[in-house]
Amino acid sequence: MIVCELTSYKFTPPPELRAEHLRFLRGCGDRGALLMAGRFADGRGALILWDVASMEEAERAAEEDPYVRGGAVDYELREWPRAFDYTKDPPAVPSI
């Protein structure tokens, strides 16, 4: 199950909290629970794509995030059923 986590910043996290947050995300990625994560270009929030077995697992991961524990972000979780995944099933390339 893919779950999108949309966050919005309440304050700019200090460098120590950011480092802890990035270590947390890398650990989730190493375990296969994280697909992608990153800030929006306007700096007002971020998107995290979780690849988890259930919404409850995504909720646990979100609550363990140092940014959430430190009060730096609000977040919303939404299940995202994939319609297409070109990374796993690329479209056929027409022959010329």
PDB file of N, CA and C in Angstrom:
ATOM      1  N   MET A   1       0.845  -1.168   0.000  1.00  0.00           N
ATOM      2  CA  MET A   1       0.000   0.000   0.000  1.00  0.00           C
ATOM      3  C   MET A   1       0.890   1.230   0.000  1.00  0.00           C
ATOM      4  N   ILE A   2       0.588   2.154  -0.873  1.00  0.00           N
ATOM      5  CA  ILE A   2       1.323   3.417  -0.908  1.00  0.00           C
ATOM      6  C   ILE A   2       0.498   4.456  -0.144  1.00  0.00           C
ATOM      7  N   VAL A   3       1.157   5.143   0.766  1.00  0.00           N
ATOM      8  CA  VAL A   3       0.515   6.207   1.535  1.00  0.00           C
ATOM      9  C   VAL A   3       1.324   7.479   1.337  1.00  0.00           C
ATOM     10  N   CYS A   4       0.630   8.549   0.959  1.00  0.00           N
ATOM     11  CA  CYS A   4       1.255   9.861   0.822  1.00  0.00           C
ATOM     12  C   CYS A   4       1.142  10.576   2.152  1.00  0.00           C
ATOM     13  N   GLU A   5       2.238  11.109   2.616  1.00  0.00           N
ATOM     14  CA  GLU A   5       2.234  11.963   3.796  1.00  0.00           C
ATOM     15  C   GLU A   5       2.537  13.376   3.331  1.00  0.00           C
ATOM     16  N   LEU A   6       1.613  14.265   3.564  1.00  0.00           N
ATOM     17  CA  LEU A   6       1.793  15.677   3.235  1.00  0.00           C
ATOM     18  C   LEU A   6       2.048  16.415   4.531  1.00  0.00           C
ATOM     19  N   THR A   7       3.135  17.147   4.597  1.00  0.00           N
ATOM     20  CA  THR A   7       3.458  17.871   5.820  1.00  0.00           C
ATOM     21  C   THR A   7       3.458  19.366   5.562  1.00  0.00           C
ATOM     22  N   SER A   8       3.240  20.108   6.624  1.00  0.00           N
ATOM     23  CA  SER A   8       3.414  21.561   6.567  1.00  0.00           C
ATOM     24  C   SER A   8       4.212  21.957   7.805  1.00  0.00           C
ATOM     25  N   TYR A   9       5.160  22.848   7.593  1.00  0.00           N
ATOM     26  CA  TYR A   9       6.049  23.253   8.683  1.00  0.00           C
ATOM     27  C   TYR A   9       5.362  24.242   9.620  1.00  0.00           C
ATOM     28  N   LYS A  10       5.565  24.045  10.919  1.00  0.00           N
ATOM     29  CA  LYS A  10       5.117  25.011  11.933  1.00  0.00           C
ATOM     30  C   LYS A  10       6.239  25.994  12.233  1.00  0.00           C
ATOM     31  N   PHE A  11       7.478  25.531  12.100  1.00  0.00           N
ATOM     32  CA  PHE A  11       8.655  26.386  12.285  1.00  0.00           C
ATOM     33  C   PHE A  11       9.812  25.732  11.546  1.00  0.00           C
ATOM     34  N   THR A  12      10.851  26.486  11.311  1.00  0.00           N
ATOM     35  CA  THR A  12      12.033  25.943  10.649  1.00  0.00           C
ATOM     36  C   THR A  12      12.791  25.063  11.641  1.00  0.00           C
ATOM     37  N   PRO A  13      12.923  23.786  11.322  1.00  0.00           N
ATOM     38  CA  PRO A  13      13.612  22.889  12.249  1.00  0.00           C
ATOM     39  C   PRO A  13      15.087  23.266  12.393  1.00  0.00           C
ATOM     40  N   PRO A  14      15.614  23.205  13.613  1.00  0.00           N
ATOM     41  CA  PRO A  14      17.042  23.468  13.803  1.00  0.00           C
ATOM     42  C   PRO A  14      17.870  22.353  13.152  1.00  0.00           C
ATOM     43  N   PRO A  15      19.126  22.639  12.855  1.00  0.00           N
ATOM     44  CA  PRO A  15      19.981  21.659  12.154  1.00  0.00           C
ATOM     45  C   PRO A  15      20.043  20.289  12.833  1.00  0.00           C
ATOM     46  N   GLU A  16      20.073  20.248  14.162  1.00  0.00           N
ATOM     47  CA  GLU A  16      20.158  18.954  14.855  1.00  0.00           C
ATOM     48  C   GLU A  16      18.902  18.120  14.603  1.00  0.00           C
ATOM     49  N   LEU A  17      17.741  18.770  14.615  1.00  0.00           N
ATOM     50  CA  LEU A  17      16.488  18.061  14.384  1.00  0.00           C
ATOM     51  C   LEU A  17      16.406  17.599  12.935  1.00  0.00           C
ATOM     52  N   ARG A  18      16.873  18.431  12.010  1.00  0.00           N
ATOM     53  CA  ARG A  18      16.884  18.037  10.595  1.00  0.00           C
ATOM     54  C   ARG A  18      17.774  16.811  10.387  1.00  0.00           C
ATOM     55  N   ALA A  19      18.937  16.794  11.004  1.00  0.00           N
ATOM     56  CA  ALA A  19      19.842  15.644  10.880  1.00  0.00           C
ATOM     57  C   ALA A  19      19.182  14.376  11.417  1.00  0.00           C
ATOM     58  N   GLU A  20      18.504  14.484  12.545  1.00  0.00           N
ATOM     59  CA  GLU A  20      17.813  13.337  13.134  1.00  0.00           C
ATOM     60  C   GLU A  20      16.689  12.860  12.212  1.00  0.00           C
ATOM     61  N   HIS A  21      15.954  13.801  11.644  1.00  0.00           N
ATOM     62  CA  HIS A  21      14.868  13.491  10.711  1.00  0.00           C
ATOM     63  C   HIS A  21      15.407  12.754   9.486  1.00  0.00           C
ATOM     64  N   LEU A  22      16.511  13.238   8.916  1.00  0.00           N
ATOM     65  CA  LEU A  22      17.083  12.593   7.739  1.00  0.00           C
ATOM     66  C   LEU A  22      17.604  11.194   8.056  1.00  0.00           C
ATOM     67  N   ARG A  23      18.208  11.008   9.227  1.00  0.00           N
ATOM     68  CA  ARG A  23      18.641   9.667   9.638  1.00  0.00           C
ATOM     69  C   ARG A  23      17.437   8.731   9.755  1.00  0.00           C
ATOM     70  N   PHE A  24      16.358   9.246  10.322  1.00  0.00           N
ATOM     71  CA  PHE A  24      15.132   8.454  10.458  1.00  0.00           C
ATOM     72  C   PHE A  24      14.624   8.020   9.081  1.00  0.00           C
ATOM     73  N   LEU A  25      14.540   8.957   8.137  1.00  0.00           N
ATOM     74  CA  LEU A  25      14.035   8.626   6.800  1.00  0.00           C
ATOM     75  C   LEU A  25      14.948   7.623   6.101  1.00  0.00           C
ATOM     76  N   ARG A  26      16.258   7.805   6.234  1.00  0.00           N
ATOM     77  CA  ARG A  26      17.190   6.847   5.620  1.00  0.00           C
ATOM     78  C   ARG A  26      16.994   5.447   6.198  1.00  0.00           C
ATOM     79  N   GLY A  27      16.794   5.355   7.490  1.00  0.00           N
ATOM     80  CA  GLY A  27      16.532   4.058   8.118  1.00  0.00           C
ATOM     81  C   GLY A  27      15.256   3.423   7.596  1.00  0.00           C
ATOM     82  N   CYS A  28      14.226   4.227   7.404  1.00  0.00           N
ATOM     83  CA  CYS A  28      12.966   3.716   6.838  1.00  0.00           C
ATOM     84  C   CYS A  28      13.196   3.229   5.413  1.00  0.00           C
ATOM     85  N   GLY A  29      13.986   3.974   4.648  1.00  0.00           N
ATOM     86  CA  GLY A  29      14.310   3.562   3.290  1.00  0.00           C
ATOM     87  C   GLY A  29      15.100   2.269   3.266  1.00  0.00           C
ATOM     88  N   ASP A  30      16.043   2.141   4.190  1.00  0.00           N
ATOM     89  CA  ASP A  30      16.846   0.915   4.266  1.00  0.00           C
ATOM     90  C   ASP A  30      15.979  -0.306   4.566  1.00  0.00           C
ATOM     91  N   ARG A  31      14.888  -0.100   5.309  1.00  0.00           N
ATOM     92  CA  ARG A  31      13.963  -1.195   5.640  1.00  0.00           C
ATOM     93  C   ARG A  31      12.929  -1.433   4.546  1.00  0.00           C
ATOM     94  N   GLY A  32      12.917  -0.590   3.508  1.00  0.00           N
ATOM     95  CA  GLY A  32      11.982  -0.770   2.407  1.00  0.00           C
ATOM     96  C   GLY A  32      10.627  -0.123   2.615  1.00  0.00           C
ATOM     97  N   ALA A  33      10.480   0.697   3.663  1.00  0.00           N
ATOM     98  CA  ALA A  33       9.182   1.323   3.951  1.00  0.00           C
ATOM     99  C   ALA A  33       9.029   2.690   3.299  1.00  0.00           C
ATOM    100  N   LEU A  34      10.100   3.249   2.784  1.00  0.00           N
ATOM    101  CA  LEU A  34      10.076   4.595   2.220  1.00  0.00           C
ATOM    102  C   LEU A  34      10.442   4.536   0.751  1.00  0.00           C
ATOM    103  N   LEU A  35       9.602   5.126  -0.091  1.00  0.00           N
ATOM    104  CA  LEU A  35       9.900   5.195  -1.518  1.00  0.00           C
ATOM    105  C   LEU A  35      10.634   6.470  -1.875  1.00  0.00           C
ATOM    106  N   MET A  36      10.072   7.609  -1.465  1.00  0.00           N
ATOM    107  CA  MET A  36      10.644   8.919  -1.777  1.00  0.00           C
ATOM    108  C   MET A  36      10.234   9.907  -0.705  1.00  0.00           C
ATOM    109  N   ALA A  37      11.050  10.951  -0.567  1.00  0.00           N
ATOM    110  CA  ALA A  37      10.711  12.027   0.366  1.00  0.00           C
ATOM    111  C   ALA A  37      11.429  13.287  -0.073  1.00  0.00           C
ATOM    112  N   GLY A  38      10.804  14.420   0.169  1.00  0.00           N
ATOM    113  CA  GLY A  38      11.465  15.674  -0.142  1.00  0.00           C
ATOM    114  C   GLY A  38      10.571  16.867   0.109  1.00  0.00           C
ATOM    115  N   ARG A  39      11.235  18.011   0.296  1.00  0.00           N
ATOM    116  CA  ARG A  39      10.518  19.275   0.506  1.00  0.00           C
ATOM    117  C   ARG A  39       9.950  19.782  -0.809  1.00  0.00           C
ATOM    118  N   PHE A  40       8.861  20.520  -0.699  1.00  0.00           N
ATOM    119  CA  PHE A  40       8.331  21.222  -1.861  1.00  0.00           C
ATOM    120  C   PHE A  40       9.229  22.416  -2.153  1.00  0.00           C
ATOM    121  N   ALA A  41       9.289  22.816  -3.397  1.00  0.00           N
ATOM    122  CA  ALA A  41      10.172  23.907  -3.820  1.00  0.00           C
ATOM    123  C   ALA A  41       9.882  25.211  -3.088  1.00  0.00           C
ATOM    124  N   ASP A  42       8.621  25.430  -2.698  1.00  0.00           N
ATOM    125  CA  ASP A  42       8.286  26.679  -2.009  1.00  0.00           C
ATOM    126  C   ASP A  42       8.651  26.644  -0.525  1.00  0.00           C
ATOM    127  N   GLY A  43       9.132  25.505  -0.033  1.00  0.00           N
ATOM    128  CA  GLY A  43       9.604  25.400   1.343  1.00  0.00           C
ATOM    129  C   GLY A  43       8.519  25.357   2.410  1.00  0.00           C
ATOM    130  N   ARG A  44       7.259  25.248   2.014  1.00  0.00           N
ATOM    131  CA  ARG A  44       6.178  25.267   3.012  1.00  0.00           C
ATOM    132  C   ARG A  44       5.816  23.893   3.539  1.00  0.00           C
ATOM    133  N   GLY A  45       6.386  22.853   2.993  1.00  0.00           N
ATOM    134  CA  GLY A  45       6.045  21.509   3.439  1.00  0.00           C
ATOM    135  C   GLY A  45       6.825  20.481   2.654  1.00  0.00           C
ATOM    136  N   ALA A  46       6.404  19.226   2.796  1.00  0.00           N
ATOM    137  CA  ALA A  46       7.112  18.126   2.149  1.00  0.00           C
ATOM    138  C   ALA A  46       6.131  17.021   1.804  1.00  0.00           C
ATOM    139  N   LEU A  47       6.613  16.091   0.994  1.00  0.00           N
ATOM    140  CA  LEU A  47       5.854  14.905   0.625  1.00  0.00           C
ATOM    141  C   LEU A  47       6.716  13.692   0.936  1.00  0.00           C
ATOM    142  N   ILE A  48       6.117  12.715   1.588  1.00  0.00           N
ATOM    143  CA  ILE A  48       6.781  11.445   1.861  1.00  0.00           C
ATOM    144  C   ILE A  48       5.890  10.358   1.287  1.00  0.00           C
ATOM    145  N   LEU A  49       6.479   9.460   0.507  1.00  0.00           N
ATOM    146  CA  LEU A  49       5.737   8.325  -0.032  1.00  0.00           C
ATOM    147  C   LEU A  49       6.167   7.069   0.713  1.00  0.00           C
ATOM    148  N   TRP A  50       5.250   6.534   1.497  1.00  0.00           N
ATOM    149  CA  TRP A  50       5.489   5.317   2.268  1.00  0.00           C
ATOM    150  C   TRP A  50       5.022   4.115   1.461  1.00  0.00           C
ATOM    151  N   ASP A  51       5.741   3.016   1.525  1.00  0.00           N
ATOM    152  CA  ASP A  51       5.337   1.736   0.942  1.00  0.00           C
ATOM    153  C   ASP A  51       5.206   0.771   2.108  1.00  0.00           C
ATOM    154  N   VAL A  52       3.986   0.686   2.635  1.00  0.00           N
ATOM    155  CA  VAL A  52       3.740  -0.031   3.885  1.00  0.00           C
ATOM    156  C   VAL A  52       2.571  -1.004   3.716  1.00  0.00           C
ATOM    157  N   ALA A  53       2.404  -1.882   4.692  1.00  0.00           N
ATOM    158  CA  ALA A  53       1.349  -2.895   4.632  1.00  0.00           C
ATOM    159  C   ALA A  53      -0.024  -2.344   4.993  1.00  0.00           C
ATOM    160  N   SER A  54      -0.060  -1.247   5.757  1.00  0.00           N
ATOM    161  CA  SER A  54      -1.354  -0.733   6.222  1.00  0.00           C
ATOM    162  C   SER A  54      -1.249   0.754   6.555  1.00  0.00           C
ATOM    163  N   MET A  55      -2.394   1.380   6.653  1.00  0.00           N
ATOM    164  CA  MET A  55      -2.440   2.777   7.069  1.00  0.00           C
ATOM    165  C   MET A  55      -1.896   2.921   8.496  1.00  0.00           C
ATOM    166  N   GLU A  56      -2.146   1.920   9.316  1.00  0.00           N
ATOM    167  CA  GLU A  56      -1.646   1.955  10.698  1.00  0.00           C
ATOM    168  C   GLU A  56      -0.126   1.987  10.733  1.00  0.00           C
ATOM    169  N   GLU A  57       0.507   1.244   9.828  1.00  0.00           N
ATOM    170  CA  GLU A  57       1.972   1.254   9.765  1.00  0.00           C
ATOM    171  C   GLU A  57       2.478   2.638   9.348  1.00  0.00           C
ATOM    172  N   ALA A  58       1.792   3.269   8.419  1.00  0.00           N
ATOM    173  CA  ALA A  58       2.165   4.628   8.003  1.00  0.00           C
ATOM    174  C   ALA A  58       1.976   5.607   9.161  1.00  0.00           C
ATOM    175  N   GLU A  59       0.905   5.442   9.922  1.00  0.00           N
ATOM    176  CA  GLU A  59       0.665   6.316  11.086  1.00  0.00           C
ATOM    177  C   GLU A  59       1.767   6.156  12.119  1.00  0.00           C
ATOM    178  N   ARG A  60       2.181   4.907  12.361  1.00  0.00           N
ATOM    179  CA  ARG A  60       3.268   4.677  13.326  1.00  0.00           C
ATOM    180  C   ARG A  60       4.557   5.332  12.842  1.00  0.00           C
ATOM    181  N   ALA A  61       4.858   5.167  11.561  1.00  0.00           N
ATOM    182  CA  ALA A  61       6.079   5.770  11.013  1.00  0.00           C
ATOM    183  C   ALA A  61       6.027   7.282  11.133  1.00  0.00           C
ATOM    184  N   ALA A  62       4.899   7.872  10.771  1.00  0.00           N
ATOM    185  CA  ALA A  62       4.771   9.331  10.853  1.00  0.00           C
ATOM    186  C   ALA A  62       4.956   9.814  12.286  1.00  0.00           C
ATOM    187  N   GLU A  63       4.382   9.123  13.220  1.00  0.00           N
ATOM    188  CA  GLU A  63       4.478   9.537  14.626  1.00  0.00           C
ATOM    189  C   GLU A  63       5.882   9.365  15.189  1.00  0.00           C
ATOM    190  N   GLU A  64       6.674   8.467  14.604  1.00  0.00           N
ATOM    191  CA  GLU A  64       8.059   8.264  15.047  1.00  0.00           C
ATOM    192  C   GLU A  64       9.014   9.290  14.457  1.00  0.00           C
ATOM    193  N   ASP A  65       8.594   9.992  13.423  1.00  0.00           N
ATOM    194  CA  ASP A  65       9.454  10.972  12.755  1.00  0.00           C
ATOM    195  C   ASP A  65       9.872  12.057  13.749  1.00  0.00           C
ATOM    196  N   PRO A  66      11.162  12.340  13.845  1.00  0.00           N
ATOM    197  CA  PRO A  66      11.620  13.385  14.761  1.00  0.00           C
ATOM    198  C   PRO A  66      10.971  14.750  14.509  1.00  0.00           C
ATOM    199  N   TYR A  67      10.620  15.062  13.269  1.00  0.00           N
ATOM    200  CA  TYR A  67       9.930  16.330  13.003  1.00  0.00           C
ATOM    201  C   TYR A  67       8.560  16.360  13.669  1.00  0.00           C
ATOM    202  N   VAL A  68       7.853  15.237  13.649  1.00  0.00           N
ATOM    203  CA  VAL A  68       6.533  15.173  14.298  1.00  0.00           C
ATOM    204  C   VAL A  68       6.722  15.200  15.812  1.00  0.00           C
ATOM    205  N   ARG A  69       7.623  14.359  16.326  1.00  0.00           N
ATOM    206  CA  ARG A  69       7.869  14.335  17.778  1.00  0.00           C
ATOM    207  C   ARG A  69       8.343  15.676  18.301  1.00  0.00           C
ATOM    208  N   GLY A  70       9.112  16.399  17.477  1.00  0.00           N
ATOM    209  CA  GLY A  70       9.635  17.698  17.883  1.00  0.00           C
ATOM    210  C   GLY A  70       8.674  18.855  17.651  1.00  0.00           C
ATOM    211  N   GLY A  71       7.490  18.553  17.103  1.00  0.00           N
ATOM    212  CA  GLY A  71       6.487  19.591  16.893  1.00  0.00           C
ATOM    213  C   GLY A  71       6.751  20.513  15.714  1.00  0.00           C
ATOM    214  N   ALA A  72       7.664  20.134  14.801  1.00  0.00           N
ATOM    215  CA  ALA A  72       8.031  21.006  13.683  1.00  0.00           C
ATOM    216  C   ALA A  72       7.027  20.961  12.538  1.00  0.00           C
ATOM    217  N   VAL A  73       6.254  19.866  12.441  1.00  0.00           N
ATOM    218  CA  VAL A  73       5.332  19.728  11.314  1.00  0.00           C
ATOM    219  C   VAL A  73       3.969  19.212  11.760  1.00  0.00           C
ATOM    220  N   ASP A  74       2.978  19.573  10.979  1.00  0.00           N
ATOM    221  CA  ASP A  74       1.677  18.902  10.979  1.00  0.00           C
ATOM    222  C   ASP A  74       1.695  17.987   9.773  1.00  0.00           C
ATOM    223  N   TYR A  75       0.901  16.922   9.811  1.00  0.00           N
ATOM    224  CA  TYR A  75       0.891  16.041   8.646  1.00  0.00           C
ATOM    225  C   TYR A  75      -0.501  15.464   8.408  1.00  0.00           C
ATOM    226  N   GLU A  76      -0.683  15.009   7.181  1.00  0.00           N
ATOM    227  CA  GLU A  76      -1.903  14.322   6.769  1.00  0.00           C
ATOM    228  C   GLU A  76      -1.472  13.092   5.982  1.00  0.00           C
ATOM    229  N   LEU A  77      -2.113  11.958   6.246  1.00  0.00           N
ATOM    230  CA  LEU A  77      -1.830  10.727   5.517  1.00  0.00           C
ATOM    231  C   LEU A  77      -3.008  10.409   4.601  1.00  0.00           C
ATOM    232  N   ARG A  78      -2.685  10.009   3.372  1.00  0.00           N
ATOM    233  CA  ARG A  78      -3.723   9.630   2.420  1.00  0.00           C
ATOM    234  C   ARG A  78      -3.257   8.417   1.637  1.00  0.00           C
ATOM    235  N   GLU A  79      -4.126   7.400   1.565  1.00  0.00           N
ATOM    236  CA  GLU A  79      -3.798   6.219   0.763  1.00  0.00           C
ATOM    237  C   GLU A  79      -3.795   6.614  -0.706  1.00  0.00           C
ATOM    238  N   TRP A  80      -2.829   6.056  -1.448  1.00  0.00           N
ATOM    239  CA  TRP A  80      -2.670   6.395  -2.850  1.00  0.00           C
ATOM    240  C   TRP A  80      -2.619   5.120  -3.692  1.00  0.00           C
ATOM    241  N   PRO A  81      -3.764   4.691  -4.210  1.00  0.00           N
ATOM    242  CA  PRO A  81      -3.743   3.526  -5.102  1.00  0.00           C
ATOM    243  C   PRO A  81      -3.095   3.909  -6.436  1.00  0.00           C
ATOM    244  N   ARG A  82      -2.088   3.175  -6.827  1.00  0.00           N
ATOM    245  CA  ARG A  82      -1.383   3.479  -8.078  1.00  0.00           C
ATOM    246  C   ARG A  82      -2.228   3.058  -9.278  1.00  0.00           C
ATOM    247  N   ALA A  83      -2.347   3.940 -10.235  1.00  0.00           N
ATOM    248  CA  ALA A  83      -2.984   3.602 -11.498  1.00  0.00           C
ATOM    249  C   ALA A  83      -1.923   3.150 -12.502  1.00  0.00           C
ATOM    250  N   PHE A  84      -0.760   3.793 -12.465  1.00  0.00           N
ATOM    251  CA  PHE A  84       0.346   3.471 -13.355  1.00  0.00           C
ATOM    252  C   PHE A  84       1.636   3.508 -12.549  1.00  0.00           C
ATOM    253  N   ASP A  85       2.571   2.644 -12.907  1.00  0.00           N
ATOM    254  CA  ASP A  85       3.892   2.668 -12.305  1.00  0.00           C
ATOM    255  C   ASP A  85       4.905   2.382 -13.399  1.00  0.00           C
ATOM    256  N   TYR A  86       5.359   3.443 -14.051  1.00  0.00           N
ATOM    257  CA  TYR A  86       6.285   3.294 -15.158  1.00  0.00           C
ATOM    258  C   TYR A  86       7.674   2.861 -14.721  1.00  0.00           C
ATOM    259  N   THR A  87       7.976   2.907 -13.428  1.00  0.00           N
ATOM    260  CA  THR A  87       9.274   2.411 -12.986  1.00  0.00           C
ATOM    261  C   THR A  87       9.311   0.891 -13.021  1.00  0.00           C
ATOM    262  N   LYS A  88       8.147   0.253 -12.920  1.00  0.00           N
ATOM    263  CA  LYS A  88       8.087  -1.208 -12.920  1.00  0.00           C
ATOM    264  C   LYS A  88       7.559  -1.781 -14.225  1.00  0.00           C
ATOM    265  N   ASP A  89       6.766  -1.015 -14.931  1.00  0.00           N
ATOM    266  CA  ASP A  89       6.166  -1.479 -16.176  1.00  0.00           C
ATOM    267  C   ASP A  89       6.194  -0.336 -17.187  1.00  0.00           C
ATOM    268  N   PRO A  90       7.395  -0.073 -17.739  1.00  0.00           N
ATOM    269  CA  PRO A  90       7.514   1.064 -18.663  1.00  0.00           C
ATOM    270  C   PRO A  90       6.656   0.841 -19.907  1.00  0.00           C
ATOM    271  N   PRO A  91       6.183   1.934 -20.473  1.00  0.00           N
ATOM    272  CA  PRO A  91       5.370   1.781 -21.680  1.00  0.00           C
ATOM    273  C   PRO A  91       6.225   1.260 -22.843  1.00  0.00           C
ATOM    274  N   ALA A  92       5.565   0.581 -23.750  1.00  0.00           N
ATOM    275  CA  ALA A  92       6.274   0.071 -24.925  1.00  0.00           C
ATOM    276  C   ALA A  92       6.759   1.248 -25.756  1.00  0.00           C
ATOM    277  N   VAL A  93       7.984   1.130 -26.248  1.00  0.00           N
ATOM    278  CA  VAL A  93       8.538   2.170 -27.099  1.00  0.00           C
ATOM    279  C   VAL A  93       8.220   1.780 -28.544  1.00  0.00           C
ATOM    280  N   PRO A  94       7.502   2.679 -29.249  1.00  0.00           N
ATOM    281  CA  PRO A  94       7.159   2.319 -30.638  1.00  0.00           C
ATOM    282  C   PRO A  94       8.417   2.208 -31.492  1.00  0.00           C
ATOM    283  N   SER A  95       8.411   1.249 -32.384  1.00  0.00           N
ATOM    284  CA  SER A  95       9.560   1.104 -33.287  1.00  0.00           C
ATOM    285  C   SER A  95       9.436   2.124 -34.404  1.00  0.00           C
ATOM    286  N   ILE A  96      10.585   2.548 -34.877  1.00  0.00           N
ATOM    287  CA  ILE A  96      10.611   3.590 -35.924  1.00  0.00           C
ATOM    288  C   ILE A  96      10.772   2.945 -37.272  1.00  0.00           C
TER     289      ILE A  96
END
